[in-house]
C-alpha atoms as a PDB file:
ATOM      1  CA  MET A   1      -9.570 -52.821  16.086  1.00  0.00           C
ATOM      2  CA  LYS A   2      -7.698 -51.026  18.892  1.00  0.00           C
ATOM      3  CA  HIS A   3      -4.812 -49.852  16.599  1.00  0.00           C
ATOM      4  CA  GLN A   4      -7.537 -48.486  14.173  1.00  0.00           C
ATOM      5  CA  ARG A   5      -9.110 -46.284  16.892  1.00  0.00           C
ATOM      6  CA  ILE A   6      -5.635 -44.910  18.059  1.00  0.00           C
ATOM      7  CA  LEU A   7      -4.728 -44.287  14.224  1.00  0.00           C
ATOM      8  CA  GLY A   8      -8.179 -42.440  13.696  1.00  0.00           C
ATOM      9  CA  LEU A   9      -7.713 -40.411  16.932  1.00  0.00           C
ATOM     10  CA  ALA A  10      -4.163 -39.514  16.013  1.00  0.00           C
ATOM     11  CA  ALA A  11      -5.125 -38.317  12.517  1.00  0.00           C
ATOM     12  CA  LEU A  12      -7.976 -36.238  14.112  1.00  0.00           C
ATOM     13  CA  LEU A  13      -5.744 -34.562  16.413  1.00  0.00           C
ATOM     14  CA  MET A  14      -3.125 -33.893  13.661  1.00  0.00           C
ATOM     15  CA  LEU A  15      -6.175 -32.296  11.465  1.00  0.00           C
ATOM     16  CA  LEU A  16      -7.375 -30.145  14.203  1.00  0.00           C
ATOM     17  CA  ALA A  17      -3.691 -28.828  15.092  1.00  0.00           C
ATOM     18  CA  SER A  18      -3.238 -28.144  11.404  1.00  0.00           C
ATOM     19  CA  CYS A  19      -6.374 -26.267  11.390  1.00  0.00           C
ATOM     20  CA  ALA A  20      -5.609 -24.038  14.293  1.00  0.00           C
ATOM     21  CA  THR A  21      -2.161 -23.289  12.779  1.00  0.00           C
ATOM     22  CA  THR A  22      -3.669 -22.270   9.289  1.00  0.00           C
ATOM     23  CA  SER A  23      -6.348 -20.154  10.914  1.00  0.00           C
ATOM     24  CA  GLU A  24      -3.442 -18.414  13.171  1.00  0.00           C
ATOM     25  CA  ARG A  25      -1.534 -17.637  10.054  1.00  0.00           C
ATOM     26  CA  LEU A  26      -4.573 -16.400   8.190  1.00  0.00           C
ATOM     27  CA  LEU A  27      -5.305 -14.073  11.066  1.00  0.00           C
ATOM     28  CA  GLU A  28      -1.810 -12.954  11.212  1.00  0.00           C
ATOM     29  CA  SER A  29      -1.696 -12.424   7.402  1.00  0.00           C
ATOM     30  CA  ASP A  30      -4.977 -10.538   7.552  1.00  0.00           C
ATOM     31  CA  SER A  31      -3.713  -8.291  10.254  1.00  0.00           C
ATOM     32  CA  SER A  32      -0.631  -7.603   8.662  1.00  0.00           C
ATOM     33  CA  GLN A  33      -2.430  -6.851   5.428  1.00  0.00           C
ATOM     34  CA  VAL A  34      -4.493  -4.254   7.187  1.00  0.00           C
ATOM     35  CA  GLU A  35      -1.421  -2.640   8.896  1.00  0.00           C
ATOM     36  CA  LEU A  36       0.204  -2.549   5.614  1.00  0.00           C
ATOM     37  CA  ARG A  37      -2.560  -0.683   3.927  1.00  0.00           C
ATOM     38  CA  SER A  38      -2.653   1.902   6.761  1.00  0.00           C
ATOM     39  CA  PHE A  39       0.851   2.666   5.890  1.00  0.00           C
ATOM     40  CA  GLN A  40       0.031   3.042   2.088  1.00  0.00           C
ATOM     41  CA  THR A  41      -3.241   4.983   2.322  1.00  0.00           C
ATOM     42  CA  ARG A  42      -4.238   8.512   3.002  1.00  0.00           C
ATOM     43  CA  ALA A  43      -7.397  10.410   2.513  1.00  0.00           C
ATOM     44  CA  PHE A  44      -7.329  14.128   1.386  1.00  0.00           C
ATOM     45  CA  ASP A  45     -10.111  16.589   1.812  1.00  0.00           C
ATOM     46  CA  THR A  46     -10.335  17.385  -2.107  1.00  0.00           C
ATOM     47  CA  THR A  47     -12.283  16.285  -5.140  1.00  0.00           C
ATOM     48  CA  ASP A  48      -9.815  17.671  -7.741  1.00  0.00           C
ATOM     49  CA  LYS A  49      -8.341  14.440  -9.182  1.00  0.00           C
ATOM     50  CA  GLU A  50      -6.282  16.031 -11.690  1.00  0.00           C
ATOM     51  CA  THR A  51      -4.628  18.516  -9.291  1.00  0.00           C
ATOM     52  CA  THR A  52      -3.977  15.740  -6.766  1.00  0.00           C
ATOM     53  CA  LEU A  53      -2.338  13.600  -9.445  1.00  0.00           C
ATOM     54  CA  ARG A  54      -0.270  16.605 -10.635  1.00  0.00           C
ATOM     55  CA  THR A  55       0.682  16.959  -6.936  1.00  0.00           C
ATOM     56  CA  VAL A  56       1.550  13.320  -6.729  1.00  0.00           C
ATOM     57  CA  ILE A  57       3.768  13.672  -9.749  1.00  0.00           C
ATOM     58  CA  ALA A  58       5.547  16.764  -8.355  1.00  0.00           C
ATOM     59  CA  THR A  59       6.034  15.183  -5.033  1.00  0.00           C
ATOM     60  CA  LEU A  60       7.590  11.881  -6.594  1.00  0.00           C
ATOM     61  CA  GLN A  61       9.808  13.913  -8.901  1.00  0.00           C
ATOM     62  CA  ASP A  62      10.932  15.906  -5.657  1.00  0.00           C
ATOM     63  CA  LEU A  63      11.883  12.768  -3.970  1.00  0.00           C
ATOM     64  CA  GLY A  64      14.014  11.668  -6.995  1.00  0.00           C
ATOM     65  CA  PHE A  65      11.765   9.510  -8.877  1.00  0.00           C
ATOM     66  CA  VAL A  66      11.499   9.460 -12.687  1.00  0.00           C
ATOM     67  CA  ILE A  67       7.919   9.311 -13.939  1.00  0.00           C
ATOM     68  CA  ASP A  68       7.236   6.075 -15.977  1.00  0.00           C
ATOM     69  CA  LYS A  69       3.629   6.500 -16.580  1.00  0.00           C
ATOM     70  CA  ALA A  70       0.759   8.783 -15.712  1.00  0.00           C
ATOM     71  CA  ASP A  71      -2.935   8.224 -16.356  1.00  0.00           C
ATOM     72  CA  LEU A  72      -5.651  10.652 -15.486  1.00  0.00           C
ATOM     73  CA  ASP A  73      -8.510   8.243 -16.406  1.00  0.00           C
ATOM     74  CA  LEU A  74      -7.261   5.362 -14.276  1.00  0.00           C
ATOM     75  CA  GLY A  75      -6.087   7.783 -11.461  1.00  0.00           C
ATOM     76  CA  SER A  76      -2.635   6.432 -11.454  1.00  0.00           C
ATOM     77  CA  VAL A  77       1.161   7.161 -11.584  1.00  0.00           C
ATOM     78  CA  THR A  78       4.072   4.870 -11.818  1.00  0.00           C
ATOM     79  CA  ALA A  79       7.587   6.211 -10.991  1.00  0.00           C
ATOM     80  CA  THR A  80      11.174   4.543 -10.466  1.00  0.00           C
ATOM     81  CA  LYS A  81      13.940   5.792  -8.494  1.00  0.00           C
ATOM     82  CA  LEU A  82      17.388   4.371  -9.171  1.00  0.00           C
ATOM     83  CA  ASP A  83      19.857   4.646  -6.417  1.00  0.00           C
ATOM     84  CA  ASN A  84      21.987   1.743  -5.928  1.00  0.00           C
ATOM     85  CA  TYR A  85      18.519  -0.474  -6.091  1.00  0.00           C
ATOM     86  CA  ALA A  86      15.434  -0.033  -8.178  1.00  0.00           C
ATOM     87  CA  LEU A  87      12.638   1.461  -6.285  1.00  0.00           C
ATOM     88  CA  ARG A  88       9.207   1.699  -8.105  1.00  0.00           C
ATOM     89  CA  MET A  89       6.249   3.349  -6.542  1.00  0.00           C
ATOM     90  CA  THR A  90       2.826   3.285  -8.067  1.00  0.00           C
ATOM     91  CA  VAL A  91       0.318   5.644  -6.564  1.00  0.00           C
ATOM     92  CA  THR A  92      -3.375   5.630  -7.394  1.00  0.00           C
ATOM     93  CA  VAL A  93      -6.100   8.191  -6.488  1.00  0.00           C
ATOM     94  CA  ARG A  94      -9.662   7.384  -6.240  1.00  0.00           C
ATOM     95  CA  PRO A  95     -12.810   9.287  -5.030  1.00  0.00           C
ATOM     96  CA  ARG A  96     -13.863   8.557  -1.447  1.00  0.00           C
ATOM     97  CA  GLY A  97     -17.290   9.520  -0.577  1.00  0.00           C
ATOM     98  CA  GLU A  98     -18.389  12.915  -1.704  1.00  0.00           C
ATOM     99  CA  THR A  99     -15.867  15.137  -0.415  1.00  0.00           C
ATOM    100  CA  GLN A 100     -12.384  13.192  -0.427  1.00  0.00           C
ATOM    101  CA  LEU A 101      -9.908  11.641  -2.541  1.00  0.00           C
ATOM    102  CA  LEU A 102      -8.139   8.400  -1.278  1.00  0.00           C
ATOM    103  CA  VAL A 103      -4.343   8.198  -2.361  1.00  0.00           C
ATOM    104  CA  ARG A 104      -2.675   4.780  -2.122  1.00  0.00           C
ATOM    105  CA  ALA A 105       1.094   4.177  -2.630  1.00  0.00           C
ATOM    106  CA  ASN A 106       2.361   0.687  -3.339  1.00  0.00           C
ATOM    107  CA  GLY A 107       6.112   0.295  -3.297  1.00  0.00           C
ATOM    108  CA  GLN A 108       8.619  -2.321  -4.445  1.00  0.00           C
ATOM    109  CA  TYR A 109      12.356  -2.679  -3.887  1.00  0.00           C
ATOM    110  CA  GLU A 110      13.725  -4.571  -6.748  1.00  0.00           C
ATOM    111  CA  VAL A 111      10.649  -7.171  -6.996  1.00  0.00           C
ATOM    112  CA  LYS A 112      10.084  -7.245  -3.361  1.00  0.00           C
ATOM    113  CA  PRO A 113       7.086  -5.252  -1.906  1.00  0.00           C
ATOM    114  CA  ILE A 114       7.785  -2.712   0.819  1.00  0.00           C
ATOM    115  CA  VAL A 115       6.296  -3.742   3.906  1.00  0.00           C
ATOM    116  CA  GLU A 116       8.100  -1.167   6.110  1.00  0.00           C
ATOM    117  CA  PRO A 117       6.100   2.150   7.078  1.00  0.00           C
ATOM    118  CA  GLU A 118       9.198   4.539   6.645  1.00  0.00           C
ATOM    119  CA  PRO A 119       9.012   4.906   2.848  1.00  0.00           C
ATOM    120  CA  TYR A 120       5.520   5.480   2.814  1.00  0.00           C
ATOM    121  CA  GLN A 121       5.606   7.873   5.785  1.00  0.00           C
ATOM    122  CA  LYS A 122       8.310   9.959   3.806  1.00  0.00           C
ATOM    123  CA  PHE A 123       6.254  10.012   0.796  1.00  0.00           C
ATOM    124  CA  PHE A 124       2.848  10.875   2.548  1.00  0.00           C
ATOM    125  CA  ALA A 125       4.725  13.681   4.542  1.00  0.00           C
ATOM    126  CA  ALA A 126       5.965  15.350   1.478  1.00  0.00           C
ATOM    127  CA  LEU A 127       2.512  14.708  -0.343  1.00  0.00           C
ATOM    128  CA  GLY A 128       0.755  16.250   2.593  1.00  0.00           C
ATOM    129  CA  LYS A 129       2.976  19.369   2.581  1.00  0.00           C
ATOM    130  CA  ALA A 130       2.370  19.809  -1.316  1.00  0.00           C
ATOM    131  CA  MET A 131      -1.317  19.510  -0.946  1.00  0.00           C
ATOM    132  CA  PHE A 132      -1.512  21.811   1.709  1.00  0.00           C
ATOM    133  CA  LEU A 133       0.622  24.444  -0.369  1.00  0.00           C
ATOM    134  CA  GLU A 134      -1.522  23.500  -3.516  1.00  0.00           C
ATOM    135  CA  ALA A 135      -4.776  23.951  -1.798  1.00  0.00           C
ATOM    136  CA  HIS A 136      -3.680  27.397  -0.507  1.00  0.00           C
ATOM    137  CA  GLU A 137      -2.299  28.368  -3.677  1.00  0.00           C
ATOM    138  CA  VAL A 138       1.297  29.005  -2.533  1.00  0.00           C
ATOM    139  CA  GLU A 139       4.167  28.564  -5.082  1.00  0.00           C
END
């Protein structure tokens, strides 16, 4: 009887310890996903989806990408850059409220998702400049 209690107590402690570890990992994963989403997403003060997609295409081309697919209805552009590696970028544009569009970039090196902020920061810096110039009709 005493051995059963000890085994039961040990099993309970192991269960509680594994739950704590699982929830910690889940919280870490959620926070890293939120951080990644913050790198990948920007809002722009425009409702012109077509012009925004054209600007996304031009920006990707300026950065050395070749456009694979573009779909106005879906609001998405997929492009690839080959430079000793395969870098694939998919950008989606969708409405955010009444006055903004949300642009989200999702990149992959080879088949691994890009989780570092730098490639997204470079893309959005170039896109922000292009959007500004487009809004002010500067060629």
